[in-house]
């Protein structure tokens, strides 16, 4: 979780469109490949963070960019790898 200049933390939220989500789910080992369920959970999490005054950055994940990043960094696809990927995008 990146730190903000004035202290505190920035929560980086990976975001997918329906097609990208389906592509990531097909390639990935994680369960829970229902876009509507994922989107609802993600929206509730974002709303809760905002209610608490948290700082967030939503980063759209494009499957082709993510796959290229995996190859470049020799990572396997996982939830942790996706989080690392969006954190790198957020700070660049």
Protein backbone atom coordinates (compact mmCIF):
# COMPACT_ATOMS: atom_id res chain seq x y z
CA UNK A 1 0.00 0.00 0.00
CA UNK A 2 1.68 3.26 -1.11
CA UNK A 3 2.11 6.04 1.45
CA UNK A 4 0.78 9.54 0.89
CA UNK A 5 2.93 12.65 1.24
CA UNK A 6 1.05 13.94 4.28
CA UNK A 7 1.02 10.55 5.99
CA UNK A 8 -1.61 7.88 5.74
CA UNK A 9 -1.93 5.29 3.05
CA UNK A 10 -3.36 5.05 -0.42
CA UNK A 11 -5.46 1.98 -1.17
CA UNK A 12 -4.98 0.88 -4.75
CA UNK A 13 -8.04 -0.85 -6.19
CA UNK A 14 -7.72 -3.04 -9.28
CA UNK A 15 -10.60 -2.48 -11.69
CA UNK A 16 -11.78 -4.59 -14.61
CA UNK A 17 -14.33 -4.25 -17.34
CA UNK A 18 -16.48 -7.34 -17.96
CA UNK A 19 -14.35 -8.68 -20.85
CA UNK A 20 -11.07 -8.06 -19.05
CA UNK A 21 -12.37 -9.72 -15.91
CA UNK A 22 -13.42 -12.80 -17.86
CA UNK A 23 -10.00 -12.97 -19.53
CA UNK A 24 -8.14 -12.65 -16.22
CA UNK A 25 -10.38 -15.28 -14.61
CA UNK A 26 -9.84 -17.77 -17.40
CA UNK A 27 -6.07 -17.38 -17.08
CA UNK A 28 -5.96 -17.15 -13.30
CA UNK A 29 -6.10 -19.75 -10.54
CA UNK A 30 -8.39 -17.78 -8.23
CA UNK A 31 -11.97 -18.78 -7.59
CA UNK A 32 -14.89 -16.37 -7.77
CA UNK A 33 -15.06 -15.62 -11.48
CA UNK A 34 -18.46 -13.96 -11.41
CA UNK A 35 -18.12 -10.39 -12.66
CA UNK A 36 -21.34 -9.07 -11.15
CA UNK A 37 -20.50 -10.52 -7.73
CA UNK A 38 -16.93 -9.19 -7.92
CA UNK A 39 -18.11 -5.73 -9.02
CA UNK A 40 -20.67 -5.53 -6.22
CA UNK A 41 -18.06 -6.50 -3.63
CA UNK A 42 -15.54 -4.05 -5.07
CA UNK A 43 -18.08 -1.20 -5.06
CA UNK A 44 -19.01 -1.90 -1.43
CA UNK A 45 -15.31 -1.94 -0.44
CA UNK A 46 -14.64 1.35 -2.26
CA UNK A 47 -17.71 2.97 -0.68
CA UNK A 48 -16.61 1.82 2.79
CA UNK A 49 -13.11 3.22 2.27
CA UNK A 50 -14.53 6.54 1.11
CA UNK A 51 -16.93 6.72 4.08
CA UNK A 52 -13.94 6.21 6.38
CA UNK A 53 -12.10 9.03 4.63
CA UNK A 54 -9.60 6.70 3.01
CA UNK A 55 -7.61 7.69 -0.05
CA UNK A 56 -8.06 5.38 -3.00
CA UNK A 57 -6.80 5.09 -6.53
CA UNK A 58 -8.69 2.90 -8.98
CA UNK A 59 -6.41 1.32 -11.57
CA UNK A 60 -7.89 -0.37 -14.62
CA UNK A 61 -6.26 -3.71 -15.39
CA UNK A 62 -5.81 -4.44 -19.08
CA UNK A 63 -5.17 -8.18 -19.47
CA UNK A 64 -2.56 -7.83 -22.25
CA UNK A 65 -0.53 -5.33 -20.19
CA UNK A 66 -0.80 -7.54 -17.14
CA UNK A 67 0.33 -10.66 -19.02
CA UNK A 68 3.32 -8.74 -20.41
CA UNK A 69 4.21 -7.56 -16.90
CA UNK A 70 4.02 -11.15 -15.61
CA UNK A 71 6.47 -12.29 -18.28
CA UNK A 72 8.81 -9.35 -17.70
CA UNK A 73 8.96 -9.96 -13.96
CA UNK A 74 8.76 -13.78 -14.05
CA UNK A 75 5.69 -13.84 -11.83
CA UNK A 76 2.90 -16.38 -11.84
CA UNK A 77 -0.65 -15.08 -12.05
CA UNK A 78 -2.17 -14.70 -8.61
CA UNK A 79 -4.15 -12.22 -6.59
CA UNK A 80 -0.88 -10.99 -5.03
CA UNK A 81 0.70 -10.51 -8.49
CA UNK A 82 -2.30 -8.49 -9.67
CA UNK A 83 -2.07 -6.30 -6.58
CA UNK A 84 1.66 -5.77 -7.13
CA UNK A 85 0.95 -4.87 -10.78
CA UNK A 86 -1.68 -2.24 -9.94
CA UNK A 87 0.50 -0.79 -7.17
CA UNK A 88 3.31 -0.30 -9.70
CA UNK A 89 0.87 1.39 -12.07
CA UNK A 90 -0.39 3.65 -9.30
CA UNK A 91 3.04 4.97 -8.37
CA UNK A 92 4.26 5.47 -11.94
